[in-house]
């Protein structure tokens, strides 16, 4: 009897755990019920828990303009972006990376979550509670994450996971960052500036530079993202 009771308890525990996992997965894929406000401009569908300030449409138009420069862009394929208004809510939806600016999740649904933002000021709020400075505006972060989503749609699971890190994050940065200075970035790469080390700076300037050089050398975006590419030959050209 004692063994049977333990077995029943274990089954109930596992069933409860499974239900929690399913509930979390469902909420993660369809969090709309937690976000009362919605605004759609082109392919960008923004969701928030607070009303949108008047300049939000202008911001989304700029995001859409940047997205549309990519051959991965599909005018008939919108993506949902959810603005988490507290660090705790963002950590709930991004438990493995609670200090990132945003996360694009491809499992169950291709959706984007951003940490707290100041829409009126076009700024993302850092984990320290301060606005992230230019050129990484809110428009930048929105565009970057949505290019991830577009690329996933275009390449599929196998193609996307095959990409090297510099391709995966360098191309979204290429589309999103309009303030990029290739000559300045090349000079910094040559002198070993820490801002060109993504592990130290948290920036994607090195990856952006590699993508900029590859595309400027004649590769198309489709060729660039057609499979994994070694960054070493590109860096060797830049360091000459």
C-alpha atoms as a PDB file:
ATOM      1  CA  UNK A   1       0.000   0.000   0.000  1.00  0.00           C
ATOM      2  CA  UNK A   2       2.818   2.367   0.877  1.00  0.00           C
ATOM      3  CA  UNK A   3       4.514   1.719  -2.495  1.00  0.00           C
ATOM      4  CA  UNK A   4       1.226   2.265  -4.351  1.00  0.00           C
ATOM      5  CA  UNK A   5       0.662   5.540  -2.475  1.00  0.00           C
ATOM      6  CA  UNK A   6       4.159   6.758  -3.397  1.00  0.00           C
ATOM      7  CA  UNK A   7       3.573   5.821  -7.011  1.00  0.00           C
ATOM      8  CA  UNK A   8       0.300   7.771  -7.093  1.00  0.00           C
ATOM      9  CA  UNK A   9       1.994  10.773  -5.507  1.00  0.00           C
ATOM     10  CA  UNK A  10       4.782  10.635  -8.065  1.00  0.00           C
ATOM     11  CA  UNK A  11       2.277  10.424 -10.930  1.00  0.00           C
ATOM     12  CA  UNK A  12       0.328  13.397  -9.540  1.00  0.00           C
ATOM     13  CA  UNK A  13       3.544  15.401  -9.174  1.00  0.00           C
ATOM     14  CA  UNK A  14       4.660  14.634 -12.719  1.00  0.00           C
ATOM     15  CA  UNK A  15       1.196  15.408 -14.090  1.00  0.00           C
ATOM     16  CA  UNK A  16       1.158  18.727 -12.225  1.00  0.00           C
ATOM     17  CA  UNK A  17       4.645  19.556 -13.476  1.00  0.00           C
ATOM     18  CA  UNK A  18       3.611  18.721 -17.040  1.00  0.00           C
ATOM     19  CA  UNK A  19       0.564  20.978 -16.753  1.00  0.00           C
ATOM     20  CA  UNK A  20       2.756  23.841 -15.489  1.00  0.00           C
ATOM     21  CA  UNK A  21       5.166  23.370 -18.382  1.00  0.00           C
ATOM     22  CA  UNK A  22       2.301  23.310 -20.870  1.00  0.00           C
ATOM     23  CA  UNK A  23       0.712  26.378 -19.294  1.00  0.00           C
ATOM     24  CA  UNK A  24       4.017  28.264 -19.395  1.00  0.00           C
ATOM     25  CA  UNK A  25       4.603  27.233 -23.011  1.00  0.00           C
ATOM     26  CA  UNK A  26       1.124  28.326 -24.023  1.00  0.00           C
ATOM     27  CA  UNK A  27       1.471  31.676 -22.265  1.00  0.00           C
ATOM     28  CA  UNK A  28       4.917  32.130 -23.767  1.00  0.00           C
ATOM     29  CA  UNK A  29       3.592  31.540 -27.270  1.00  0.00           C
ATOM     30  CA  UNK A  30       0.377  33.503 -26.767  1.00  0.00           C
ATOM     31  CA  UNK A  31       0.923  36.157 -24.074  1.00  0.00           C
ATOM     32  CA  UNK A  32      -1.670  38.527 -25.529  1.00  0.00           C
ATOM     33  CA  UNK A  33      -3.960  38.287 -22.494  1.00  0.00           C
ATOM     34  CA  UNK A  34      -1.314  40.021 -20.351  1.00  0.00           C
ATOM     35  CA  UNK A  35      -0.925  42.977 -22.725  1.00  0.00           C
ATOM     36  CA  UNK A  36      -4.050  45.119 -23.065  1.00  0.00           C
ATOM     37  CA  UNK A  37      -2.856  47.495 -25.783  1.00  0.00           C
ATOM     38  CA  UNK A  38      -1.999  46.681 -29.395  1.00  0.00           C
ATOM     39  CA  UNK A  39      -0.717  48.787 -32.272  1.00  0.00           C
ATOM     40  CA  UNK A  40       0.075  47.515 -35.774  1.00  0.00           C
ATOM     41  CA  UNK A  41       2.165  49.332 -38.367  1.00  0.00           C
ATOM     42  CA  UNK A  42       3.054  47.272 -41.426  1.00  0.00           C
ATOM     43  CA  UNK A  43       4.470  43.953 -40.244  1.00  0.00           C
ATOM     44  CA  UNK A  44       5.146  45.146 -36.687  1.00  0.00           C
ATOM     45  CA  UNK A  45       2.474  44.356 -34.097  1.00  0.00           C
ATOM     46  CA  UNK A  46       3.370  46.010 -30.804  1.00  0.00           C
ATOM     47  CA  UNK A  47       1.770  44.910 -27.522  1.00  0.00           C
ATOM     48  CA  UNK A  48       2.013  46.788 -24.221  1.00  0.00           C
ATOM     49  CA  UNK A  49       0.385  46.896 -20.801  1.00  0.00           C
ATOM     50  CA  UNK A  50       0.157  50.695 -20.833  1.00  0.00           C
ATOM     51  CA  UNK A  51      -1.291  53.056 -23.483  1.00  0.00           C
ATOM     52  CA  UNK A  52       1.054  54.061 -26.284  1.00  0.00           C
ATOM     53  CA  UNK A  53       2.415  57.641 -26.410  1.00  0.00           C
ATOM     54  CA  UNK A  54       1.681  59.654 -29.599  1.00  0.00           C
ATOM     55  CA  UNK A  55       5.129  59.109 -31.165  1.00  0.00           C
ATOM     56  CA  UNK A  56       4.805  55.301 -31.215  1.00  0.00           C
ATOM     57  CA  UNK A  57       3.432  55.173 -34.765  1.00  0.00           C
ATOM     58  CA  UNK A  58       6.396  57.222 -35.993  1.00  0.00           C
ATOM     59  CA  UNK A  59       8.821  54.829 -34.272  1.00  0.00           C
ATOM     60  CA  UNK A  60       7.166  51.789 -35.803  1.00  0.00           C
ATOM     61  CA  UNK A  61       7.226  53.369 -39.244  1.00  0.00           C
ATOM     62  CA  UNK A  62      10.984  53.758 -38.912  1.00  0.00           C
ATOM     63  CA  UNK A  63      11.301  50.122 -37.791  1.00  0.00           C
ATOM     64  CA  UNK A  64       9.232  49.031 -40.776  1.00  0.00           C
ATOM     65  CA  UNK A  65      11.373  51.143 -43.125  1.00  0.00           C
ATOM     66  CA  UNK A  66      14.533  49.427 -41.880  1.00  0.00           C
ATOM     67  CA  UNK A  67      13.001  45.963 -42.010  1.00  0.00           C
ATOM     68  CA  UNK A  68      11.847  46.476 -45.590  1.00  0.00           C
ATOM     69  CA  UNK A  69      15.459  46.950 -46.756  1.00  0.00           C
ATOM     70  CA  UNK A  70      16.111  43.266 -46.128  1.00  0.00           C
ATOM     71  CA  UNK A  71      15.310  40.633 -48.771  1.00  0.00           C
ATOM     72  CA  UNK A  72      14.007  38.544 -45.846  1.00  0.00           C
ATOM     73  CA  UNK A  73      11.143  41.024 -45.460  1.00  0.00           C
ATOM     74  CA  UNK A  74       7.635  39.737 -46.212  1.00  0.00           C
ATOM     75  CA  UNK A  75       4.889  42.347 -46.210  1.00  0.00           C
ATOM     76  CA  UNK A  76       2.248  39.681 -45.581  1.00  0.00           C
ATOM     77  CA  UNK A  77       3.937  38.189 -42.507  1.00  0.00           C
ATOM     78  CA  UNK A  78       3.541  40.266 -39.313  1.00  0.00           C
ATOM     79  CA  UNK A  79       5.378  39.579 -36.068  1.00  0.00           C
ATOM     80  CA  UNK A  80       4.288  40.262 -32.498  1.00  0.00           C
ATOM     81  CA  UNK A  81       6.477  42.248 -30.117  1.00  0.00           C
ATOM     82  CA  UNK A  82       5.623  42.326 -26.413  1.00  0.00           C
ATOM     83  CA  UNK A  83       6.933  45.175 -24.259  1.00  0.00           C
ATOM     84  CA  UNK A  84       7.565  43.921 -20.729  1.00  0.00           C
ATOM     85  CA  UNK A  85       7.101  46.909 -18.432  1.00  0.00           C
ATOM     86  CA  UNK A  86       9.007  45.449 -15.470  1.00  0.00           C
ATOM     87  CA  UNK A  87      12.290  43.514 -15.194  1.00  0.00           C
ATOM     88  CA  UNK A  88      10.396  40.728 -13.423  1.00  0.00           C
ATOM     89  CA  UNK A  89       7.975  40.279 -16.315  1.00  0.00           C
ATOM     90  CA  UNK A  90      10.847  40.229 -18.787  1.00  0.00           C
ATOM     91  CA  UNK A  91      12.662  37.642 -16.662  1.00  0.00           C
ATOM     92  CA  UNK A  92       9.500  35.527 -16.681  1.00  0.00           C
ATOM     93  CA  UNK A  93       9.486  35.441 -20.466  1.00  0.00           C
ATOM     94  CA  UNK A  94      13.292  35.346 -20.785  1.00  0.00           C
ATOM     95  CA  UNK A  95      14.410  33.265 -17.800  1.00  0.00           C
ATOM     96  CA  UNK A  96      17.744  32.212 -19.308  1.00  0.00           C
ATOM     97  CA  UNK A  97      18.772  35.731 -20.404  1.00  0.00           C
ATOM     98  CA  UNK A  98      17.071  38.225 -18.041  1.00  0.00           C
ATOM     99  CA  UNK A  99      19.718  40.917 -18.652  1.00  0.00           C
ATOM    100  CA  UNK A 100      19.454  41.037 -22.436  1.00  0.00           C
ATOM    101  CA  UNK A 101      17.722  43.848 -24.298  1.00  0.00           C
ATOM    102  CA  UNK A 102      15.349  41.565 -26.129  1.00  0.00           C
ATOM    103  CA  UNK A 103      14.734  37.943 -27.046  1.00  0.00           C
ATOM    104  CA  UNK A 104      13.166  36.383 -30.113  1.00  0.00           C
ATOM    105  CA  UNK A 105      11.621  33.006 -29.409  1.00  0.00           C
ATOM    106  CA  UNK A 106      11.042  30.662 -32.301  1.00  0.00           C
ATOM    107  CA  UNK A 107       9.559  27.720 -30.410  1.00  0.00           C
ATOM    108  CA  UNK A 108       5.764  27.407 -30.558  1.00  0.00           C
ATOM    109  CA  UNK A 109       5.482  30.920 -32.026  1.00  0.00           C
ATOM    110  CA  UNK A 110       7.910  33.392 -33.573  1.00  0.00           C
ATOM    111  CA  UNK A 111       7.475  36.227 -31.059  1.00  0.00           C
ATOM    112  CA  UNK A 112       9.686  38.944 -29.593  1.00  0.00           C
ATOM    113  CA  UNK A 113       9.930  40.164 -25.997  1.00  0.00           C
ATOM    114  CA  UNK A 114      11.667  43.399 -24.985  1.00  0.00           C
ATOM    115  CA  UNK A 115      12.703  44.503 -21.513  1.00  0.00           C
ATOM    116  CA  UNK A 116      11.248  47.808 -20.142  1.00  0.00           C
ATOM    117  CA  UNK A 117      11.333  50.730 -22.564  1.00  0.00           C
ATOM    118  CA  UNK A 118      10.671  54.465 -22.700  1.00  0.00           C
ATOM    119  CA  UNK A 119       8.609  54.770 -25.863  1.00  0.00           C
ATOM    120  CA  UNK A 120       8.328  58.548 -25.669  1.00  0.00           C
ATOM    121  CA  UNK A 121      12.138  58.869 -25.603  1.00  0.00           C
ATOM    122  CA  UNK A 122      12.806  56.018 -28.084  1.00  0.00           C
ATOM    123  CA  UNK A 123      14.949  54.237 -25.502  1.00  0.00           C
ATOM    124  CA  UNK A 124      15.333  50.767 -24.060  1.00  0.00           C
ATOM    125  CA  UNK A 125      15.963  50.697 -20.291  1.00  0.00           C
ATOM    126  CA  UNK A 126      19.084  48.753 -19.319  1.00  0.00           C
ATOM    127  CA  UNK A 127      19.245  46.240 -16.431  1.00  0.00           C
ATOM    128  CA  UNK A 128      20.785  49.083 -14.383  1.00  0.00           C
ATOM    129  CA  UNK A 129      17.606  51.120 -14.851  1.00  0.00           C
ATOM    130  CA  UNK A 130      19.212  53.693 -17.145  1.00  0.00           C
ATOM    131  CA  UNK A 131      18.363  54.400 -20.807  1.00  0.00           C
ATOM    132  CA  UNK A 132      20.609  52.649 -23.334  1.00  0.00           C
ATOM    133  CA  UNK A 133      22.406  55.457 -25.222  1.00  0.00           C
ATOM    134  CA  UNK A 134      22.477  56.079 -28.961  1.00  0.00           C
ATOM    135  CA  UNK A 135      22.902  54.627 -31.481  1.00  0.00           C
ATOM    136  CA  UNK A 136      21.144  51.658 -29.860  1.00  0.00           C
ATOM    137  CA  UNK A 137      17.728  53.276 -29.696  1.00  0.00           C
ATOM    138  CA  UNK A 138      14.473  51.435 -29.168  1.00  0.00           C
ATOM    139  CA  UNK A 139      14.046  51.459 -32.955  1.00  0.00           C
ATOM    140  CA  UNK A 140      17.396  49.690 -33.189  1.00  0.00           C
ATOM    141  CA  UNK A 141      16.434  46.977 -30.696  1.00  0.00           C
ATOM    142  CA  UNK A 142      13.027  46.414 -32.279  1.00  0.00           C
ATOM    143  CA  UNK A 143      14.537  46.121 -35.744  1.00  0.00           C
ATOM    144  CA  UNK A 144      17.344  43.835 -34.606  1.00  0.00           C
ATOM    145  CA  UNK A 145      15.000  41.341 -32.962  1.00  0.00           C
ATOM    146  CA  UNK A 146      12.533  41.401 -35.841  1.00  0.00           C
ATOM    147  CA  UNK A 147      15.291  40.673 -38.361  1.00  0.00           C
ATOM    148  CA  UNK A 148      16.030  37.558 -36.299  1.00  0.00           C
ATOM    149  CA  UNK A 149      12.368  36.598 -36.712  1.00  0.00           C
ATOM    150  CA  UNK A 150      12.406  37.315 -40.453  1.00  0.00           C
ATOM    151  CA  UNK A 151      15.595  35.293 -40.919  1.00  0.00           C
ATOM    152  CA  UNK A 152      14.118  32.341 -39.062  1.00  0.00           C
ATOM    153  CA  UNK A 153      11.031  32.474 -41.273  1.00  0.00           C
ATOM    154  CA  UNK A 154      13.204  32.549 -44.401  1.00  0.00           C
ATOM    155  CA  UNK A 155      15.723  29.857 -43.427  1.00  0.00           C
ATOM    156  CA  UNK A 156      13.692  27.532 -41.238  1.00  0.00           C
ATOM    157  CA  UNK A 157      14.938  25.633 -38.207  1.00  0.00           C
ATOM    158  CA  UNK A 158      17.810  23.786 -39.854  1.00  0.00           C
ATOM    159  CA  UNK A 159      19.102  26.747 -41.855  1.00  0.00           C
ATOM    160  CA  UNK A 160      18.924  29.193 -38.969  1.00  0.00           C
ATOM    161  CA  UNK A 161      20.638  26.938 -36.436  1.00  0.00           C
ATOM    162  CA  UNK A 162      23.453  26.285 -38.924  1.00  0.00           C
ATOM    163  CA  UNK A 163      24.520  29.943 -38.926  1.00  0.00           C
ATOM    164  CA  UNK A 164      27.654  31.051 -37.142  1.00  0.00           C
ATOM    165  CA  UNK A 165      27.234  33.629 -34.391  1.00  0.00           C
ATOM    166  CA  UNK A 166      28.664  36.444 -36.511  1.00  0.00           C
ATOM    167  CA  UNK A 167      26.079  35.744 -39.217  1.00  0.00           C
ATOM    168  CA  UNK A 168      23.206  35.289 -36.765  1.00  0.00           C
ATOM    169  CA  UNK A 169      23.741  38.613 -34.969  1.00  0.00           C
ATOM    170  CA  UNK A 170      25.781  40.509 -37.545  1.00  0.00           C
ATOM    171  CA  UNK A 171      23.069  40.621 -40.176  1.00  0.00           C
ATOM    172  CA  UNK A 172      20.327  41.940 -37.814  1.00  0.00           C
ATOM    173  CA  UNK A 173      22.799  44.583 -36.646  1.00  0.00           C
ATOM    174  CA  UNK A 174      23.564  45.460 -40.279  1.00  0.00           C
ATOM    175  CA  UNK A 175      19.874  46.150 -40.914  1.00  0.00           C
ATOM    176  CA  UNK A 176      19.148  47.823 -37.571  1.00  0.00           C
ATOM    177  CA  UNK A 177      22.176  50.070 -36.954  1.00  0.00           C
ATOM    178  CA  UNK A 178      22.038  53.113 -39.263  1.00  0.00           C
ATOM    179  CA  UNK A 179      24.871  54.880 -37.395  1.00  0.00           C
ATOM    180  CA  UNK A 180      27.510  52.244 -38.227  1.00  0.00           C
ATOM    181  CA  UNK A 181      30.863  53.647 -39.413  1.00  0.00           C
ATOM    182  CA  UNK A 182      32.784  50.917 -41.281  1.00  0.00           C
ATOM    183  CA  UNK A 183      36.067  52.847 -41.437  1.00  0.00           C
ATOM    184  CA  UNK A 184      36.001  53.562 -37.715  1.00  0.00           C
ATOM    185  CA  UNK A 185      35.100  49.951 -36.893  1.00  0.00           C
ATOM    186  CA  UNK A 186      37.913  48.641 -39.115  1.00  0.00           C
ATOM    187  CA  UNK A 187      40.450  50.887 -37.389  1.00  0.00           C
ATOM    188  CA  UNK A 188      39.224  49.713 -33.983  1.00  0.00           C
ATOM    189  CA  UNK A 189      39.478  46.079 -35.088  1.00  0.00           C
ATOM    190  CA  UNK A 190      43.082  46.604 -36.185  1.00  0.00           C
ATOM    191  CA  UNK A 191      44.120  48.137 -32.883  1.00  0.00           C
ATOM    192  CA  UNK A 192      42.237  45.598 -30.769  1.00  0.00           C
ATOM    193  CA  UNK A 193      39.686  48.016 -29.348  1.00  0.00           C
ATOM    194  CA  UNK A 194      37.545  46.183 -26.722  1.00  0.00           C
ATOM    195  CA  UNK A 195      34.328  47.534 -28.264  1.00  0.00           C
ATOM    196  CA  UNK A 196      35.021  45.153 -31.154  1.00  0.00           C
ATOM    197  CA  UNK A 197      35.025  42.189 -28.757  1.00  0.00           C
ATOM    198  CA  UNK A 198      31.374  41.110 -28.338  1.00  0.00           C
ATOM    199  CA  UNK A 199      32.179  39.095 -25.226  1.00  0.00           C
ATOM    200  CA  UNK A 200      33.597  42.157 -23.453  1.00  0.00           C
ATOM    201  CA  UNK A 201      31.420  44.940 -24.826  1.00  0.00           C
ATOM    202  CA  UNK A 202      28.110  43.169 -25.422  1.00  0.00           C
ATOM    203  CA  UNK A 203      28.016  44.939 -28.805  1.00  0.00           C
ATOM    204  CA  UNK A 204      27.786  43.388 -32.251  1.00  0.00           C
ATOM    205  CA  UNK A 205      30.099  45.868 -34.039  1.00  0.00           C
ATOM    206  CA  UNK A 206      32.613  43.153 -34.969  1.00  0.00           C
ATOM    207  CA  UNK A 207      29.891  40.959 -36.457  1.00  0.00           C
ATOM    208  CA  UNK A 208      28.368  43.967 -38.210  1.00  0.00           C
ATOM    209  CA  UNK A 209      31.741  44.811 -39.742  1.00  0.00           C
ATOM    210  CA  UNK A 210      32.177  41.263 -41.025  1.00  0.00           C
ATOM    211  CA  UNK A 211      28.721  41.321 -42.631  1.00  0.00           C
ATOM    212  CA  UNK A 212      29.318  44.788 -44.090  1.00  0.00           C
ATOM    213  CA  UNK A 213      32.598  43.646 -45.658  1.00  0.00           C
ATOM    214  CA  UNK A 214      31.164  40.367 -46.970  1.00  0.00           C
ATOM    215  CA  UNK A 215      28.210  42.070 -48.624  1.00  0.00           C
ATOM    216  CA  UNK A 216      30.445  44.839 -49.939  1.00  0.00           C
ATOM    217  CA  UNK A 217      32.690  42.197 -51.509  1.00  0.00           C
ATOM    218  CA  UNK A 218      29.886  40.945 -53.724  1.00  0.00           C
ATOM    219  CA  UNK A 219      27.981  38.398 -51.658  1.00  0.00           C
ATOM    220  CA  UNK A 220      24.197  38.694 -51.652  1.00  0.00           C
ATOM    221  CA  UNK A 221      22.273  38.437 -48.390  1.00  0.00           C
ATOM    222  CA  UNK A 222      20.910  35.081 -49.512  1.00  0.00           C
ATOM    223  CA  UNK A 223      24.445  33.812 -50.163  1.00  0.00           C
ATOM    224  CA  UNK A 224      25.697  35.213 -46.871  1.00  0.00           C
ATOM    225  CA  UNK A 225      23.020  33.310 -44.945  1.00  0.00           C
ATOM    226  CA  UNK A 226      22.935  30.174 -47.105  1.00  0.00           C
ATOM    227  CA  UNK A 227      25.023  28.241 -44.589  1.00  0.00           C
ATOM    228  CA  UNK A 228      27.761  28.554 -41.982  1.00  0.00           C
ATOM    229  CA  UNK A 229      30.734  30.694 -43.054  1.00  0.00           C
ATOM    230  CA  UNK A 230      34.149  30.995 -41.486  1.00  0.00           C
ATOM    231  CA  UNK A 231      34.832  34.544 -40.316  1.00  0.00           C
ATOM    232  CA  UNK A 232      38.630  34.134 -40.375  1.00  0.00           C
ATOM    233  CA  UNK A 233      39.191  34.917 -44.102  1.00  0.00           C
ATOM    234  CA  UNK A 234      37.021  38.040 -43.834  1.00  0.00           C
ATOM    235  CA  UNK A 235      38.863  39.239 -40.739  1.00  0.00           C
ATOM    236  CA  UNK A 236      42.199  38.568 -42.495  1.00  0.00           C
ATOM    237  CA  UNK A 237      41.118  40.879 -45.333  1.00  0.00           C
ATOM    238  CA  UNK A 238      40.077  43.590 -42.889  1.00  0.00           C
ATOM    239  CA  UNK A 239      43.378  43.378 -40.985  1.00  0.00           C
ATOM    240  CA  UNK A 240      45.585  43.822 -44.061  1.00  0.00           C
END
